[in-house]
Structure formats: C-alpha cells, structure tokens
Amino acid sequence: MSYAIFEYSDIQPSSVIAEEGDKLQFSVTVTNTGKVDGEEVVQLYVRDMKGSVTRPVRELKGFNKILIKAGESRKVSFTLSPEDLSFTRKDMTWGQEKGEYKLWIGGDSNASQEASFTIK
C-alpha cells in the first residue's frame, strides 16, 4: 500500500499502424500528485480484438517499477516487439496476426488509459 497518489497522462504511441514484424513504442507520463514519495508499478496490457483463437481480455506484456518524488512526473515507455504479440494461432503456427489491438497502461489490470493500434 502506498500513500502516494499517481495520475497517468494519455498514452502516446510511436505509430497507430504498423506492418507485421514492426516494433511499436508507447509512452505515458506518470505524476505523483501525493505529498510523499512513492513507488509505482506501471503495467502494459494488450488485447487482440479479432484473433483466430480466443485470447485473454487483458494480457500483461510489460511492467516497470519506478520511484517518483512527491509532485514530480516521469515518462515511462514500453516497446512491443513481434514476439510480444505472437501466440499459437488456429493453424497451430506461432506468430502474430494482422488486425486491431487495444492496449492499456496503468497501475493495475483495471487501467483506464487506453490506445488502439493496427497490424497490417
């Protein structure tokens, strides 16, 4: 439990459209609006909106534990590689699929900061 209070800015994507095999970068600014220094575990979740097989609603793909002093902000970035988006597809091959994806960044799996991207 922390007595610090953290707020997240809107997610900034490097791109919202990528080719299969591209890496994507997403960043968010986390601000400690509390009166004490605190540590936050910033988490990235992804959802494949139309996969060939049923996928998790929110799949944890990255996290970063940071210390933020009271009143300060830190930019946190995540890179999604093709491996991060790969899974065993319906035809039993391993890889990513083209389509629409959503992602969330926040302090837990109920994160509300949301972005979308497309793999072409």
PDB file of N, CA and C in Angstrom:
ATOM      1  N   MET A   1       0.839  -1.183   0.000  1.00  0.00           N
ATOM      2  CA  MET A   1       0.000   0.000   0.000  1.00  0.00           C
ATOM      3  C   MET A   1       0.877   1.236   0.000  1.00  0.00           C
ATOM      4  N   SER A   2       0.465   2.218  -0.748  1.00  0.00           N
ATOM      5  CA  SER A   2       1.233   3.443  -0.852  1.00  0.00           C
ATOM      6  C   SER A   2       0.347   4.618  -0.470  1.00  0.00           C
ATOM      7  N   TYR A   3       0.963   5.628   0.122  1.00  0.00           N
ATOM      8  CA  TYR A   3       0.233   6.846   0.445  1.00  0.00           C
ATOM      9  C   TYR A   3       0.395   7.872  -0.664  1.00  0.00           C
ATOM     10  N   ALA A   4       1.183   7.538  -1.654  1.00  0.00           N
ATOM     11  CA  ALA A   4       1.344   8.398  -2.821  1.00  0.00           C
ATOM     12  C   ALA A   4       0.133   8.206  -3.736  1.00  0.00           C
ATOM     13  N   ILE A   5      -0.171   9.228  -4.498  1.00  0.00           N
ATOM     14  CA  ILE A   5      -1.284   9.174  -5.442  1.00  0.00           C
ATOM     15  C   ILE A   5      -0.703   9.409  -6.833  1.00  0.00           C
ATOM     16  N   PHE A   6      -1.002   8.501  -7.764  1.00  0.00           N
ATOM     17  CA  PHE A   6      -0.425   8.582  -9.099  1.00  0.00           C
ATOM     18  C   PHE A   6      -1.503   8.849 -10.139  1.00  0.00           C
ATOM     19  N   GLU A   7      -1.177   9.736 -11.072  1.00  0.00           N
ATOM     20  CA  GLU A   7      -2.061  10.025 -12.193  1.00  0.00           C
ATOM     21  C   GLU A   7      -1.311   9.754 -13.484  1.00  0.00           C
ATOM     22  N   TYR A   8      -2.033   9.249 -14.474  1.00  0.00           N
ATOM     23  CA  TYR A   8      -1.452   8.888 -15.764  1.00  0.00           C
ATOM     24  C   TYR A   8      -1.974   9.829 -16.845  1.00  0.00           C
ATOM     25  N   SER A   9      -1.071  10.267 -17.738  1.00  0.00           N
ATOM     26  CA  SER A   9      -1.485  11.078 -18.879  1.00  0.00           C
ATOM     27  C   SER A   9      -1.945  10.163 -20.002  1.00  0.00           C
ATOM     28  N   ASP A  10      -2.417  10.753 -21.088  1.00  0.00           N
ATOM     29  CA  ASP A  10      -2.814   9.965 -22.255  1.00  0.00           C
ATOM     30  C   ASP A  10      -1.617   9.216 -22.825  1.00  0.00           C
ATOM     31  N   ILE A  11      -1.872   8.045 -23.369  1.00  0.00           N
ATOM     32  CA  ILE A  11      -0.827   7.217 -23.984  1.00  0.00           C
ATOM     33  C   ILE A  11      -0.392   7.858 -25.294  1.00  0.00           C
ATOM     34  N   GLN A  12       0.914   7.934 -25.498  1.00  0.00           N
ATOM     35  CA  GLN A  12       1.482   8.479 -26.733  1.00  0.00           C
ATOM     36  C   GLN A  12       2.099   7.329 -27.537  1.00  0.00           C
ATOM     37  N   PRO A  13       1.500   6.941 -28.664  1.00  0.00           N
ATOM     38  CA  PRO A  13       2.062   5.855 -29.483  1.00  0.00           C
ATOM     39  C   PRO A  13       3.106   6.384 -30.465  1.00  0.00           C
ATOM     40  N   SER A  14       4.083   5.544 -30.800  1.00  0.00           N
ATOM     41  CA  SER A  14       5.030   5.901 -31.857  1.00  0.00           C
ATOM     42  C   SER A  14       4.329   5.848 -33.200  1.00  0.00           C
ATOM     43  N   SER A  15       3.346   4.957 -33.317  1.00  0.00           N
ATOM     44  CA  SER A  15       2.552   4.811 -34.526  1.00  0.00           C
ATOM     45  C   SER A  15       1.289   4.041 -34.166  1.00  0.00           C
ATOM     46  N   VAL A  16       0.216   4.286 -34.888  1.00  0.00           N
ATOM     47  CA  VAL A  16      -1.013   3.529 -34.644  1.00  0.00           C
ATOM     48  C   VAL A  16      -1.243   2.482 -35.726  1.00  0.00           C
ATOM     49  N   ILE A  17      -0.399   2.500 -36.762  1.00  0.00           N
ATOM     50  CA  ILE A  17      -0.464   1.490 -37.823  1.00  0.00           C
ATOM     51  C   ILE A  17       0.944   0.957 -38.038  1.00  0.00           C
ATOM     52  N   ALA A  18       1.085  -0.366 -38.016  1.00  0.00           N
ATOM     53  CA  ALA A  18       2.396  -0.989 -38.192  1.00  0.00           C
ATOM     54  C   ALA A  18       2.277  -2.177 -39.127  1.00  0.00           C
ATOM     55  N   GLU A  19       3.380  -2.524 -39.726  1.00  0.00           N
ATOM     56  CA  GLU A  19       3.458  -3.723 -40.552  1.00  0.00           C
ATOM     57  C   GLU A  19       3.766  -4.917 -39.654  1.00  0.00           C
ATOM     58  N   GLU A  20       3.399  -6.113 -40.089  1.00  0.00           N
ATOM     59  CA  GLU A  20       3.769  -7.317 -39.359  1.00  0.00           C
ATOM     60  C   GLU A  20       5.285  -7.334 -39.202  1.00  0.00           C
ATOM     61  N   GLY A  21       5.772  -7.593 -37.998  1.00  0.00           N
ATOM     62  CA  GLY A  21       7.206  -7.636 -37.744  1.00  0.00           C
ATOM     63  C   GLY A  21       7.783  -6.339 -37.207  1.00  0.00           C
ATOM     64  N   ASP A  22       7.004  -5.245 -37.226  1.00  0.00           N
ATOM     65  CA  ASP A  22       7.489  -3.967 -36.691  1.00  0.00           C
ATOM     66  C   ASP A  22       7.402  -3.942 -35.174  1.00  0.00           C
ATOM     67  N   LYS A  23       8.269  -3.131 -34.577  1.00  0.00           N
ATOM     68  CA  LYS A  23       8.175  -2.844 -33.147  1.00  0.00           C
ATOM     69  C   LYS A  23       7.368  -1.564 -32.975  1.00  0.00           C
ATOM     70  N   LEU A  24       6.604  -1.493 -31.907  1.00  0.00           N
ATOM     71  CA  LEU A  24       5.810  -0.315 -31.587  1.00  0.00           C
ATOM     72  C   LEU A  24       6.213   0.199 -30.209  1.00  0.00           C
ATOM     73  N   GLN A  25       6.231   1.509 -30.051  1.00  0.00           N
ATOM     74  CA  GLN A  25       6.576   2.091 -28.756  1.00  0.00           C
ATOM     75  C   GLN A  25       5.402   2.932 -28.261  1.00  0.00           C
ATOM     76  N   PHE A  26       5.138   2.805 -26.961  1.00  0.00           N
ATOM     77  CA  PHE A  26       4.070   3.559 -26.317  1.00  0.00           C
ATOM     78  C   PHE A  26       4.629   4.175 -25.043  1.00  0.00           C
ATOM     79  N   SER A  27       4.268   5.416 -24.771  1.00  0.00           N
ATOM     80  CA  SER A  27       4.746   6.067 -23.564  1.00  0.00           C
ATOM     81  C   SER A  27       3.592   6.769 -22.867  1.00  0.00           C
ATOM     82  N   VAL A  28       3.798   6.993 -21.585  1.00  0.00           N
ATOM     83  CA  VAL A  28       2.816   7.670 -20.755  1.00  0.00           C
ATOM     84  C   VAL A  28       3.589   8.433 -19.682  1.00  0.00           C
ATOM     85  N   THR A  29       3.040   9.538 -19.241  1.00  0.00           N
ATOM     86  CA  THR A  29       3.654  10.291 -18.154  1.00  0.00           C
ATOM     87  C   THR A  29       2.902   9.982 -16.870  1.00  0.00           C
ATOM     88  N   VAL A  30       3.649   9.607 -15.844  1.00  0.00           N
ATOM     89  CA  VAL A  30       3.063   9.283 -14.541  1.00  0.00           C
ATOM     90  C   VAL A  30       3.452  10.396 -13.579  1.00  0.00           C
ATOM     91  N   THR A  31       2.464  10.967 -12.896  1.00  0.00           N
ATOM     92  CA  THR A  31       2.688  12.065 -11.966  1.00  0.00           C
ATOM     93  C   THR A  31       2.290  11.638 -10.561  1.00  0.00           C
ATOM     94  N   ASN A  32       3.167  11.913  -9.609  1.00  0.00           N
ATOM     95  CA  ASN A  32       2.858  11.670  -8.197  1.00  0.00           C
ATOM     96  C   ASN A  32       2.212  12.944  -7.672  1.00  0.00           C
ATOM     97  N   THR A  33       0.897  12.915  -7.510  1.00  0.00           N
ATOM     98  CA  THR A  33       0.170  14.085  -7.031  1.00  0.00           C
ATOM     99  C   THR A  33       0.026  14.092  -5.510  1.00  0.00           C
ATOM    100  N   GLY A  34       0.602  13.080  -4.862  1.00  0.00           N
ATOM    101  CA  GLY A  34       0.539  12.989  -3.408  1.00  0.00           C
ATOM    102  C   GLY A  34       1.578  13.868  -2.725  1.00  0.00           C
ATOM    103  N   LYS A  35       1.616  13.765  -1.403  1.00  0.00           N
ATOM    104  CA  LYS A  35       2.530  14.576  -0.602  1.00  0.00           C
ATOM    105  C   LYS A  35       3.761  13.812  -0.167  1.00  0.00           C
ATOM    106  N   VAL A  36       3.856  12.527  -0.544  1.00  0.00           N
ATOM    107  CA  VAL A  36       5.018  11.711  -0.173  1.00  0.00           C
ATOM    108  C   VAL A  36       5.581  11.034  -1.419  1.00  0.00           C
ATOM    109  N   ASP A  37       6.876  10.728  -1.379  1.00  0.00           N
ATOM    110  CA  ASP A  37       7.498   9.978  -2.462  1.00  0.00           C
ATOM    111  C   ASP A  37       6.866   8.589  -2.506  1.00  0.00           C
ATOM    112  N   GLY A  38       6.835   7.994  -3.685  1.00  0.00           N
ATOM    113  CA  GLY A  38       6.240   6.670  -3.780  1.00  0.00           C
ATOM    114  C   GLY A  38       6.742   5.891  -4.972  1.00  0.00           C
ATOM    115  N   GLU A  39       6.595   4.574  -4.889  1.00  0.00           N
ATOM    116  CA  GLU A  39       6.935   3.683  -5.990  1.00  0.00           C
ATOM    117  C   GLU A  39       5.644   3.208  -6.646  1.00  0.00           C
ATOM    118  N   GLU A  40       5.691   3.123  -7.962  1.00  0.00           N
ATOM    119  CA  GLU A  40       4.541   2.662  -8.734  1.00  0.00           C
ATOM    120  C   GLU A  40       5.014   1.598  -9.713  1.00  0.00           C
ATOM    121  N   VAL A  41       4.212   0.564  -9.885  1.00  0.00           N
ATOM    122  CA  VAL A  41       4.496  -0.438 -10.902  1.00  0.00           C
ATOM    123  C   VAL A  41       3.586  -0.119 -12.088  1.00  0.00           C
ATOM    124  N   VAL A  42       4.184   0.450 -13.131  1.00  0.00           N
ATOM    125  CA  VAL A  42       3.454   0.833 -14.330  1.00  0.00           C
ATOM    126  C   VAL A  42       3.345  -0.415 -15.203  1.00  0.00           C
ATOM    127  N   GLN A  43       2.110  -0.749 -15.616  1.00  0.00           N
ATOM    128  CA  GLN A  43       1.859  -2.008 -16.316  1.00  0.00           C
ATOM    129  C   GLN A  43       1.225  -1.766 -17.680  1.00  0.00           C
ATOM    130  N   LEU A  44       1.613  -2.602 -18.647  1.00  0.00           N
ATOM    131  CA  LEU A  44       1.091  -2.538 -20.012  1.00  0.00           C
ATOM    132  C   LEU A  44       0.318  -3.819 -20.308  1.00  0.00           C
ATOM    133  N   TYR A  45      -0.933  -3.662 -20.738  1.00  0.00           N
ATOM    134  CA  TYR A  45      -1.795  -4.788 -21.094  1.00  0.00           C
ATOM    135  C   TYR A  45      -2.231  -4.646 -22.553  1.00  0.00           C
ATOM    136  N   VAL A  46      -2.373  -5.781 -23.255  1.00  0.00           N
ATOM    137  CA  VAL A  46      -2.751  -5.787 -24.660  1.00  0.00           C
ATOM    138  C   VAL A  46      -3.910  -6.755 -24.880  1.00  0.00           C
ATOM    139  N   ARG A  47      -4.758  -6.420 -25.860  1.00  0.00           N
ATOM    140  CA  ARG A  47      -5.834  -7.315 -26.278  1.00  0.00           C
ATOM    141  C   ARG A  47      -5.898  -7.349 -27.798  1.00  0.00           C
ATOM    142  N   ASP A  48      -5.885  -8.547 -28.345  1.00  0.00           N
ATOM    143  CA  ASP A  48      -6.110  -8.775 -29.773  1.00  0.00           C
ATOM    144  C   ASP A  48      -7.620  -8.801 -29.959  1.00  0.00           C
ATOM    145  N   MET A  49      -8.154  -7.850 -30.714  1.00  0.00           N
ATOM    146  CA  MET A  49      -9.605  -7.701 -30.800  1.00  0.00           C
ATOM    147  C   MET A  49     -10.285  -8.771 -31.663  1.00  0.00           C
ATOM    148  N   LYS A  50      -9.560  -9.370 -32.631  1.00  0.00           N
ATOM    149  CA  LYS A  50     -10.184 -10.371 -33.501  1.00  0.00           C
ATOM    150  C   LYS A  50      -9.186 -11.464 -33.842  1.00  0.00           C
ATOM    151  N   GLY A  51      -8.637 -12.107 -32.851  1.00  0.00           N
ATOM    152  CA  GLY A  51      -7.682 -13.187 -33.095  1.00  0.00           C
ATOM    153  C   GLY A  51      -8.363 -14.423 -33.646  1.00  0.00           C
ATOM    154  N   SER A  52      -7.581 -15.302 -34.259  1.00  0.00           N
ATOM    155  CA  SER A  52      -8.131 -16.539 -34.813  1.00  0.00           C
ATOM    156  C   SER A  52      -8.506 -17.535 -33.722  1.00  0.00           C
ATOM    157  N   VAL A  53      -7.999 -17.303 -32.515  1.00  0.00           N
ATOM    158  CA  VAL A  53      -8.363 -18.103 -31.346  1.00  0.00           C
ATOM    159  C   VAL A  53      -8.723 -17.148 -30.214  1.00  0.00           C
ATOM    160  N   THR A  54      -9.434 -17.645 -29.230  1.00  0.00           N
ATOM    161  CA  THR A  54      -9.810 -16.821 -28.088  1.00  0.00           C
ATOM    162  C   THR A  54      -8.562 -16.441 -27.303  1.00  0.00           C
ATOM    163  N   ARG A  55      -8.432 -15.165 -27.023  1.00  0.00           N
ATOM    164  CA  ARG A  55      -7.265 -14.625 -26.320  1.00  0.00           C
ATOM    165  C   ARG A  55      -7.716 -13.955 -25.029  1.00  0.00           C
ATOM    166  N   PRO A  56      -6.785 -13.723 -24.102  1.00  0.00           N
ATOM    167  CA  PRO A  56      -7.146 -13.026 -22.864  1.00  0.00           C
ATOM    168  C   PRO A  56      -7.709 -11.630 -23.152  1.00  0.00           C
ATOM    169  N   VAL A  57      -8.596 -11.175 -22.286  1.00  0.00           N
ATOM    170  CA  VAL A  57      -9.171  -9.843 -22.428  1.00  0.00           C
ATOM    171  C   VAL A  57      -8.087  -8.786 -22.226  1.00  0.00           C
ATOM    172  N   ARG A  58      -7.240  -8.974 -21.234  1.00  0.00           N
ATOM    173  CA  ARG A  58      -6.097  -8.094 -20.986  1.00  0.00           C
ATOM    174  C   ARG A  58      -4.905  -8.969 -20.638  1.00  0.00           C
ATOM    175  N   GLU A  59      -3.905  -8.943 -21.500  1.00  0.00           N
ATOM    176  CA  GLU A  59      -2.718  -9.773 -21.322  1.00  0.00           C
ATOM    177  C   GLU A  59      -1.530  -8.882 -20.952  1.00  0.00           C
ATOM    178  N   LEU A  60      -0.941  -9.115 -19.781  1.00  0.00           N
ATOM    179  CA  LEU A  60       0.199  -8.320 -19.326  1.00  0.00           C
ATOM    180  C   LEU A  60       1.387  -8.542 -20.251  1.00  0.00           C
ATOM    181  N   LYS A  61       1.908  -7.459 -20.821  1.00  0.00           N
ATOM    182  CA  LYS A  61       3.031  -7.550 -21.752  1.00  0.00           C
ATOM    183  C   LYS A  61       4.261  -6.790 -21.272  1.00  0.00           C
ATOM    184  N   GLY A  62       4.143  -6.053 -20.197  1.00  0.00           N
ATOM    185  CA  GLY A  62       5.309  -5.345 -19.682  1.00  0.00           C
ATOM    186  C   GLY A  62       4.976  -4.603 -18.398  1.00  0.00           C
ATOM    187  N   PHE A  63       6.011  -4.373 -17.606  1.00  0.00           N
ATOM    188  CA  PHE A  63       5.846  -3.564 -16.400  1.00  0.00           C
ATOM    189  C   PHE A  63       7.174  -2.914 -16.064  1.00  0.00           C
ATOM    190  N   ASN A  64       7.097  -1.832 -15.306  1.00  0.00           N
ATOM    191  CA  ASN A  64       8.281  -1.073 -14.931  1.00  0.00           C
ATOM    192  C   ASN A  64       8.023  -0.447 -13.563  1.00  0.00           C
ATOM    193  N   LYS A  65       8.848  -0.766 -12.581  1.00  0.00           N
ATOM    194  CA  LYS A  65       8.706  -0.194 -11.248  1.00  0.00           C
ATOM    195  C   LYS A  65       9.548   1.075 -11.168  1.00  0.00           C
ATOM    196  N   ILE A  66       8.902   2.181 -10.797  1.00  0.00           N
ATOM    197  CA  ILE A  66       9.596   3.460 -10.758  1.00  0.00           C
ATOM    198  C   ILE A  66       9.349   4.162  -9.427  1.00  0.00           C
ATOM    199  N   LEU A  67      10.311   4.966  -9.031  1.00  0.00           N
ATOM    200  CA  LEU A  67      10.182   5.820  -7.847  1.00  0.00           C
ATOM    201  C   LEU A  67       9.929   7.229  -8.342  1.00  0.00           C
ATOM    202  N   ILE A  68       8.872   7.848  -7.825  1.00  0.00           N
ATOM    203  CA  ILE A  68       8.549   9.219  -8.202  1.00  0.00           C
ATOM    204  C   ILE A  68       8.421  10.045  -6.923  1.00  0.00           C
ATOM    205  N   LYS A  69       9.172  11.118  -6.863  1.00  0.00           N
ATOM    206  CA  LYS A  69       9.092  12.008  -5.703  1.00  0.00           C
ATOM    207  C   LYS A  69       7.779  12.772  -5.732  1.00  0.00           C
ATOM    208  N   ALA A  70       7.338  13.199  -4.578  1.00  0.00           N
ATOM    209  CA  ALA A  70       6.088  13.946  -4.463  1.00  0.00           C
ATOM    210  C   ALA A  70       6.099  15.148  -5.401  1.00  0.00           C
ATOM    211  N   GLY A  71       5.035  15.295  -6.181  1.00  0.00           N
ATOM    212  CA  GLY A  71       4.904  16.430  -7.085  1.00  0.00           C
ATOM    213  C   GLY A  71       5.650  16.301  -8.400  1.00  0.00           C
ATOM    214  N   GLU A  72       6.386  15.222  -8.613  1.00  0.00           N
ATOM    215  CA  GLU A  72       7.159  15.063  -9.842  1.00  0.00           C
ATOM    216  C   GLU A  72       6.452  14.141 -10.839  1.00  0.00           C
ATOM    217  N   SER A  73       6.931  14.208 -12.077  1.00  0.00           N
ATOM    218  CA  SER A  73       6.413  13.358 -13.155  1.00  0.00           C
ATOM    219  C   SER A  73       7.556  12.600 -13.789  1.00  0.00           C
ATOM    220  N   ARG A  74       7.244  11.408 -14.308  1.00  0.00           N
ATOM    221  CA  ARG A  74       8.223  10.603 -15.055  1.00  0.00           C
ATOM    222  C   ARG A  74       7.555  10.037 -16.281  1.00  0.00           C
ATOM    223  N   LYS A  75       8.292  10.054 -17.387  1.00  0.00           N
ATOM    224  CA  LYS A  75       7.815   9.442 -18.620  1.00  0.00           C
ATOM    225  C   LYS A  75       8.252   7.985 -18.613  1.00  0.00           C
ATOM    226  N   VAL A  76       7.316   7.084 -18.886  1.00  0.00           N
ATOM    227  CA  VAL A  76       7.592   5.651 -18.924  1.00  0.00           C
ATOM    228  C   VAL A  76       7.256   5.153 -20.320  1.00  0.00           C
ATOM    229  N   SER A  77       8.191   4.419 -20.937  1.00  0.00           N
ATOM    230  CA  SER A  77       7.996   3.911 -22.287  1.00  0.00           C
ATOM    231  C   SER A  77       8.062   2.397 -22.311  1.00  0.00           C
ATOM    232  N   PHE A  78       7.275   1.824 -23.202  1.00  0.00           N
ATOM    233  CA  PHE A  78       7.269   0.385 -23.433  1.00  0.00           C
ATOM    234  C   PHE A  78       7.423   0.141 -24.923  1.00  0.00           C
ATOM    235  N   THR A  79       8.141  -0.918 -25.278  1.00  0.00           N
ATOM    236  CA  THR A  79       8.267  -1.340 -26.668  1.00  0.00           C
ATOM    237  C   THR A  79       7.624  -2.704 -26.826  1.00  0.00           C
ATOM    238  N   LEU A  80       6.702  -2.799 -27.775  1.00  0.00           N
ATOM    239  CA  LEU A  80       6.073  -4.082 -28.104  1.00  0.00           C
ATOM    240  C   LEU A  80       6.768  -4.642 -29.335  1.00  0.00           C
ATOM    241  N   SER A  81       7.336  -5.818 -29.179  1.00  0.00           N
ATOM    242  CA  SER A  81       8.010  -6.486 -30.295  1.00  0.00           C
ATOM    243  C   SER A  81       7.039  -7.469 -30.941  1.00  0.00           C
ATOM    244  N   PRO A  82       7.383  -7.975 -32.127  1.00  0.00           N
ATOM    245  CA  PRO A  82       6.526  -9.004 -32.740  1.00  0.00           C
ATOM    246  C   PRO A  82       6.355 -10.223 -31.830  1.00  0.00           C
ATOM    247  N   GLU A  83       7.385 -10.566 -31.073  1.00  0.00           N
ATOM    248  CA  GLU A  83       7.298 -11.703 -30.146  1.00  0.00           C
ATOM    249  C   GLU A  83       6.254 -11.456 -29.057  1.00  0.00           C
ATOM    250  N   ASP A  84       6.127 -10.196 -28.620  1.00  0.00           N
ATOM    251  CA  ASP A  84       5.141  -9.861 -27.586  1.00  0.00           C
ATOM    252  C   ASP A  84       3.714 -10.091 -28.071  1.00  0.00           C
ATOM    253  N   LEU A  85       3.497  -9.981 -29.377  1.00  0.00           N
ATOM    254  CA  LEU A  85       2.159 -10.134 -29.942  1.00  0.00           C
ATOM    255  C   LEU A  85       1.936 -11.513 -30.557  1.00  0.00           C
ATOM    256  N   SER A  86       2.917 -12.389 -30.438  1.00  0.00           N
ATOM    257  CA  SER A  86       2.819 -13.721 -31.035  1.00  0.00           C
ATOM    258  C   SER A  86       2.138 -14.718 -30.114  1.00  0.00           C
ATOM    259  N   PHE A  87       1.514 -15.714 -30.708  1.00  0.00           N
ATOM    260  CA  PHE A  87       0.834 -16.772 -29.972  1.00  0.00           C
ATOM    261  C   PHE A  87       0.621 -17.947 -30.926  1.00  0.00           C
ATOM    262  N   THR A  88       0.146 -19.057 -30.402  1.00  0.00           N
ATOM    263  CA  THR A  88      -0.167 -20.209 -31.243  1.00  0.00           C
ATOM    264  C   THR A  88      -1.511 -19.950 -31.904  1.00  0.00           C
ATOM    265  N   ARG A  89      -1.481 -19.778 -33.207  1.00  0.00           N
ATOM    266  CA  ARG A  89      -2.674 -19.432 -33.977  1.00  0.00           C
ATOM    267  C   ARG A  89      -3.541 -20.664 -34.240  1.00  0.00           C
ATOM    268  N   LYS A  90      -4.687 -20.439 -34.842  1.00  0.00           N
ATOM    269  CA  LYS A  90      -5.645 -21.520 -35.106  1.00  0.00           C
ATOM    270  C   LYS A  90      -5.034 -22.639 -35.940  1.00  0.00           C
ATOM    271  N   ASP A  91      -4.129 -22.301 -36.877  1.00  0.00           N
ATOM    272  CA  ASP A  91      -3.497 -23.316 -37.726  1.00  0.00           C
ATOM    273  C   ASP A  91      -2.278 -23.963 -37.049  1.00  0.00           C
ATOM    274  N   MET A  92      -2.116 -23.678 -35.737  1.00  0.00           N
ATOM    275  CA  MET A  92      -1.055 -24.246 -34.880  1.00  0.00           C
ATOM    276  C   MET A  92       0.342 -23.721 -35.230  1.00  0.00           C
ATOM    277  N   THR A  93       0.436 -22.618 -35.939  1.00  0.00           N
ATOM    278  CA  THR A  93       1.722 -21.966 -36.173  1.00  0.00           C
ATOM    279  C   THR A  93       1.901 -20.856 -35.152  1.00  0.00           C
ATOM    280  N   TRP A  94       3.148 -20.472 -34.928  1.00  0.00           N
ATOM    281  CA  TRP A  94       3.476 -19.419 -33.959  1.00  0.00           C
ATOM    282  C   TRP A  94       3.702 -18.113 -34.704  1.00  0.00           C
ATOM    283  N   GLY A  95       3.085 -17.040 -34.232  1.00  0.00           N
ATOM    284  CA  GLY A  95       3.318 -15.728 -34.824  1.00  0.00           C
ATOM    285  C   GLY A  95       2.248 -14.743 -34.428  1.00  0.00           C
ATOM    286  N   GLN A  96       2.391 -13.543 -34.914  1.00  0.00           N
ATOM    287  CA  GLN A  96       1.380 -12.524 -34.655  1.00  0.00           C
ATOM    288  C   GLN A  96       0.387 -12.533 -35.799  1.00  0.00           C
ATOM    289  N   GLU A  97      -0.732 -11.855 -35.597  1.00  0.00           N
ATOM    290  CA  GLU A  97      -1.752 -11.769 -36.635  1.00  0.00           C
ATOM    291  C   GLU A  97      -2.042 -10.309 -36.948  1.00  0.00           C
ATOM    292  N   LYS A  98      -2.438 -10.097 -38.190  1.00  0.00           N
ATOM    293  CA  LYS A  98      -2.869  -8.764 -38.588  1.00  0.00           C
ATOM    294  C   LYS A  98      -4.202  -8.471 -37.917  1.00  0.00           C
ATOM    295  N   GLY A  99      -4.455  -7.185 -37.690  1.00  0.00           N
ATOM    296  CA  GLY A  99      -5.741  -6.813 -37.123  1.00  0.00           C
ATOM    297  C   GLY A  99      -5.656  -5.685 -36.128  1.00  0.00           C
ATOM    298  N   GLU A 100      -6.764  -5.505 -35.440  1.00  0.00           N
ATOM    299  CA  GLU A 100      -6.914  -4.424 -34.465  1.00  0.00           C
ATOM    300  C   GLU A 100      -6.527  -4.905 -33.070  1.00  0.00           C
ATOM    301  N   TYR A 101      -5.841  -4.024 -32.339  1.00  0.00           N
ATOM    302  CA  TYR A 101      -5.423  -4.307 -30.966  1.00  0.00           C
ATOM    303  C   TYR A 101      -5.759  -3.107 -30.088  1.00  0.00           C
ATOM    304  N   LYS A 102      -5.992  -3.384 -28.820  1.00  0.00           N
ATOM    305  CA  LYS A 102      -6.121  -2.327 -27.810  1.00  0.00           C
ATOM    306  C   LYS A 102      -5.039  -2.549 -26.775  1.00  0.00           C
ATOM    307  N   LEU A 103      -4.632  -1.458 -26.141  1.00  0.00           N
ATOM    308  CA  LEU A 103      -3.697  -1.595 -25.026  1.00  0.00           C
ATOM    309  C   LEU A 103      -4.050  -0.599 -23.948  1.00  0.00           C
ATOM    310  N   TRP A 104      -3.637  -0.949 -22.737  1.00  0.00           N
ATOM    311  CA  TRP A 104      -3.875  -0.116 -21.570  1.00  0.00           C
ATOM    312  C   TRP A 104      -2.566   0.013 -20.804  1.00  0.00           C
ATOM    313  N   ILE A 105      -2.344   1.187 -20.221  1.00  0.00           N
ATOM    314  CA  ILE A 105      -1.197   1.398 -19.337  1.00  0.00           C
ATOM    315  C   ILE A 105      -1.734   2.005 -18.056  1.00  0.00           C
ATOM    316  N   GLY A 106      -1.321   1.424 -16.925  1.00  0.00           N
ATOM    317  CA  GLY A 106      -1.755   1.928 -15.629  1.00  0.00           C
ATOM    318  C   GLY A 106      -1.108   1.173 -14.498  1.00  0.00           C
ATOM    319  N   GLY A 107      -1.602   1.385 -13.305  1.00  0.00           N
ATOM    320  CA  GLY A 107      -1.027   0.794 -12.105  1.00  0.00           C
ATOM    321  C   GLY A 107      -1.542  -0.600 -11.788  1.00  0.00           C
ATOM    322  N   ASP A 108      -2.564  -1.065 -12.534  1.00  0.00           N
ATOM    323  CA  ASP A 108      -3.093  -2.413 -12.330  1.00  0.00           C
ATOM    324  C   ASP A 108      -3.878  -2.829 -13.566  1.00  0.00           C
ATOM    325  N   SER A 109      -4.505  -3.996 -13.506  1.00  0.00           N
ATOM    326  CA  SER A 109      -5.210  -4.524 -14.678  1.00  0.00           C
ATOM    327  C   SER A 109      -6.503  -3.772 -14.983  1.00  0.00           C
ATOM    328  N   ASN A 110      -6.905  -2.865 -14.113  1.00  0.00           N
ATOM    329  CA  ASN A 110      -8.081  -2.033 -14.369  1.00  0.00           C
ATOM    330  C   ASN A 110      -7.702  -0.687 -14.966  1.00  0.00           C
ATOM    331  N   ALA A 111      -6.511  -0.593 -15.526  1.00  0.00           N
ATOM    332  CA  ALA A 111      -6.020   0.665 -16.089  1.00  0.00           C
ATOM    333  C   ALA A 111      -7.030   1.259 -17.057  1.00  0.00           C
ATOM    334  N   SER A 112      -7.203   2.576 -17.002  1.00  0.00           N
ATOM    335  CA  SER A 112      -8.187   3.232 -17.860  1.00  0.00           C
ATOM    336  C   SER A 112      -7.560   3.963 -19.047  1.00  0.00           C
ATOM    337  N   GLN A 113      -6.254   4.218 -19.012  1.00  0.00           N
ATOM    338  CA  GLN A 113      -5.601   4.872 -20.150  1.00  0.00           C
ATOM    339  C   GLN A 113      -5.495   3.866 -21.288  1.00  0.00           C
ATOM    340  N   GLU A 114      -6.178   4.141 -22.388  1.00  0.00           N
ATOM    341  CA  GLU A 114      -6.333   3.176 -23.470  1.00  0.00           C
ATOM    342  C   GLU A 114      -5.858   3.762 -24.798  1.00  0.00           C
ATOM    343  N   ALA A 115      -5.309   2.905 -25.642  1.00  0.00           N
ATOM    344  CA  ALA A 115      -4.930   3.279 -27.005  1.00  0.00           C
ATOM    345  C   ALA A 115      -5.222   2.099 -27.918  1.00  0.00           C
ATOM    346  N   SER A 116      -5.296   2.359 -29.203  1.00  0.00           N
ATOM    347  CA  SER A 116      -5.532   1.314 -30.191  1.00  0.00           C
ATOM    348  C   SER A 116      -4.442   1.374 -31.247  1.00  0.00           C
ATOM    349  N   PHE A 117      -4.172   0.214 -31.854  1.00  0.00           N
ATOM    350  CA  PHE A 117      -3.245   0.162 -32.968  1.00  0.00           C
ATOM    351  C   PHE A 117      -3.633  -0.970 -33.893  1.00  0.00           C
ATOM    352  N   THR A 118      -3.110  -0.917 -35.114  1.00  0.00           N
ATOM    353  CA  THR A 118      -3.432  -1.897 -36.145  1.00  0.00           C
ATOM    354  C   THR A 118      -2.150  -2.495 -36.698  1.00  0.00           C
ATOM    355  N   ILE A 119      -2.158  -3.815 -36.876  1.00  0.00           N
ATOM    356  CA  ILE A 119      -1.069  -4.514 -37.573  1.00  0.00           C
ATOM    357  C   ILE A 119      -1.590  -4.831 -38.968  1.00  0.00           C
ATOM    358  N   LYS A 120      -0.905  -4.329 -39.990  1.00  0.00           N
ATOM    359  CA  LYS A 120      -1.332  -4.563 -41.390  1.00  0.00           C
ATOM    360  C   LYS A 120      -0.526  -5.658 -42.025  1.00  0.00           C
TER     361      LYS A 120
END
